[in-house]
C-alpha atoms as a PDB file:
ATOM      1  CA  MET A   1       0.391   4.006 -17.273  1.00  0.00           C
ATOM      2  CA  TYR A   2       3.970   2.208 -17.336  1.00  0.00           C
ATOM      3  CA  SER A   3       6.241   2.604 -14.321  1.00  0.00           C
ATOM      4  CA  PRO A   4       9.807   1.258 -15.174  1.00  0.00           C
ATOM      5  CA  TYR A   5      11.305   1.219 -11.866  1.00  0.00           C
ATOM      6  CA  LEU A   6       8.678   0.329  -9.170  1.00  0.00           C
ATOM      7  CA  HIS A   7      10.672  -1.458  -6.145  1.00  0.00           C
ATOM      8  CA  GLY A   8      13.171  -3.106  -8.708  1.00  0.00           C
ATOM      9  CA  ILE A   9      10.419  -4.904 -10.896  1.00  0.00           C
ATOM     10  CA  GLN A  10       8.848  -3.648 -14.147  1.00  0.00           C
ATOM     11  CA  HIS A  11       4.907  -3.584 -14.634  1.00  0.00           C
ATOM     12  CA  THR A  12       2.302  -1.955 -16.759  1.00  0.00           C
ATOM     13  CA  TRP A  13      -0.917  -0.450 -15.187  1.00  0.00           C
ATOM     14  CA  GLY A  14      -3.871  -1.368 -17.389  1.00  0.00           C
ATOM     15  CA  LEU A  15      -7.572  -1.116 -16.854  1.00  0.00           C
ATOM     16  CA  ILE A  16      -7.913  -4.027 -14.447  1.00  0.00           C
ATOM     17  CA  GLN A  17      -5.813  -2.815 -11.990  1.00  0.00           C
ATOM     18  CA  PHE A  18      -7.621   0.665 -12.573  1.00  0.00           C
ATOM     19  CA  LYS A  19     -10.863  -0.620 -11.640  1.00  0.00           C
ATOM     20  CA  ALA A  20      -9.429  -2.613  -8.679  1.00  0.00           C
ATOM     21  CA  ALA A  21      -7.848   0.232  -6.968  1.00  0.00           C
ATOM     22  CA  TRP A  22     -11.442   1.784  -7.534  1.00  0.00           C
ATOM     23  CA  THR A  23     -13.115  -0.776  -5.890  1.00  0.00           C
ATOM     24  CA  ILE A  24     -10.599  -0.801  -3.024  1.00  0.00           C
ATOM     25  CA  GLN A  25     -10.529   3.148  -3.086  1.00  0.00           C
ATOM     26  CA  ASP A  26     -14.393   2.855  -2.277  1.00  0.00           C
ATOM     27  CA  ARG A  27     -14.280   0.376   0.154  1.00  0.00           C
ATOM     28  CA  PHE A  28     -11.899   1.957   2.268  1.00  0.00           C
ATOM     29  CA  LYS A  29     -13.003   5.370   1.973  1.00  0.00           C
ATOM     30  CA  LEU A  30      -9.696   6.287   0.714  1.00  0.00           C
ATOM     31  CA  SER A  31      -9.211   9.868  -1.526  1.00  0.00           C
ATOM     32  CA  TRP A  32      -7.707   8.857  -5.030  1.00  0.00           C
ATOM     33  CA  TRP A  33      -4.735  10.071  -4.013  1.00  0.00           C
ATOM     34  CA  ASP A  34      -4.202   8.291  -0.655  1.00  0.00           C
ATOM     35  CA  PHE A  35      -4.620   4.664  -2.348  1.00  0.00           C
ATOM     36  CA  LEU A  36      -2.778   5.626  -5.533  1.00  0.00           C
ATOM     37  CA  VAL A  37       0.044   5.480  -3.062  1.00  0.00           C
ATOM     38  CA  VAL A  38      -1.027   2.084  -1.174  1.00  0.00           C
ATOM     39  CA  SER A  39      -1.651   0.502  -4.871  1.00  0.00           C
ATOM     40  CA  VAL A  40       2.081   0.846  -5.589  1.00  0.00           C
ATOM     41  CA  ALA A  41       2.807  -0.733  -2.207  1.00  0.00           C
ATOM     42  CA  GLN A  42       0.727  -3.568  -2.976  1.00  0.00           C
ATOM     43  CA  ILE A  43       2.311  -4.029  -6.225  1.00  0.00           C
ATOM     44  CA  ALA A  44       5.452  -3.906  -4.896  1.00  0.00           C
ATOM     45  CA  ASP A  45       4.633  -6.842  -2.194  1.00  0.00           C
ATOM     46  CA  CYS A  46       5.225  -4.576   0.431  1.00  0.00           C
ATOM     47  CA  ARG A  47       4.417  -5.677   4.054  1.00  0.00           C
ATOM     48  CA  TYR A  48       3.868  -2.155   5.499  1.00  0.00           C
ATOM     49  CA  PHE A  49       2.552   1.359   4.548  1.00  0.00           C
ATOM     50  CA  LEU A  50       4.301   3.417   7.035  1.00  0.00           C
ATOM     51  CA  THR A  51       1.989   6.515   7.438  1.00  0.00           C
ATOM     52  CA  GLU A  52       0.881   8.593  10.388  1.00  0.00           C
ATOM     53  CA  ASP A  53      -2.471   9.819   8.229  1.00  0.00           C
ATOM     54  CA  PHE A  54      -4.268   6.625   8.205  1.00  0.00           C
ATOM     55  CA  GLN A  55      -5.673   4.462  10.779  1.00  0.00           C
ATOM     56  CA  GLU A  56      -2.924   2.452  12.894  1.00  0.00           C
ATOM     57  CA  ASN A  57      -3.189  -1.689  12.047  1.00  0.00           C
ATOM     58  CA  GLN A  58      -5.692  -1.024   9.241  1.00  0.00           C
ATOM     59  CA  VAL A  59      -4.747  -3.485   7.016  1.00  0.00           C
ATOM     60  CA  LEU A  60      -5.544  -2.256   3.265  1.00  0.00           C
ATOM     61  CA  GLY A  61      -5.337  -5.216   1.067  1.00  0.00           C
ATOM     62  CA  ASN A  62      -2.500  -6.790   1.652  1.00  0.00           C
ATOM     63  CA  VAL A  63      -0.406  -4.134   3.026  1.00  0.00           C
ATOM     64  CA  ARG A  64      -0.773  -3.169   6.903  1.00  0.00           C
ATOM     65  CA  VAL A  65      -0.685   0.250   8.497  1.00  0.00           C
ATOM     66  CA  ILE A  66       2.114   1.304  10.763  1.00  0.00           C
ATOM     67  CA  ASP A  67       2.623   4.641  12.347  1.00  0.00           C
ATOM     68  CA  PRO A  68       6.462   4.753  12.246  1.00  0.00           C
ATOM     69  CA  PHE A  69       6.207   7.176  15.350  1.00  0.00           C
ATOM     70  CA  LEU A  70       4.149   4.466  17.360  1.00  0.00           C
ATOM     71  CA  HIS A  71       6.457   1.986  17.081  1.00  0.00           C
ATOM     72  CA  SER A  72      10.759   0.739  16.914  1.00  0.00           C
ATOM     73  CA  PRO A  73      12.119  -0.330  13.689  1.00  0.00           C
ATOM     74  CA  GLU A  74      12.714  -3.605  14.930  1.00  0.00           C
ATOM     75  CA  LEU A  75       8.624  -4.400  14.102  1.00  0.00           C
ATOM     76  CA  LEU A  76       9.120  -3.890  10.496  1.00  0.00           C
ATOM     77  CA  ASN A  77      11.970  -6.903  10.999  1.00  0.00           C
ATOM     78  CA  ALA A  78       9.518  -9.477  12.512  1.00  0.00           C
ATOM     79  CA  PRO A  79       8.595 -12.453  10.610  1.00  0.00           C
ATOM     80  CA  SER A  80       5.174 -12.484   8.767  1.00  0.00           C
ATOM     81  CA  GLU A  81       2.336 -13.110  10.773  1.00  0.00           C
END
């Protein structure tokens, strides 16, 4: 699968990325569709994944889940840990 417009970067998905996604999907017990969204956030080097549907502060690989209704925008501008 080729995605030319992923956060301003080009990335080609191959078998290695899909196998990694399946492994992490199994590890975190996410649905395939949920993990596809999270994996795009990982590829785009996002620090946070804003959602109210996942467990608050859960770390999925290199992405931390933040409930946008529980925190102010200033949290997202804080320096990296």
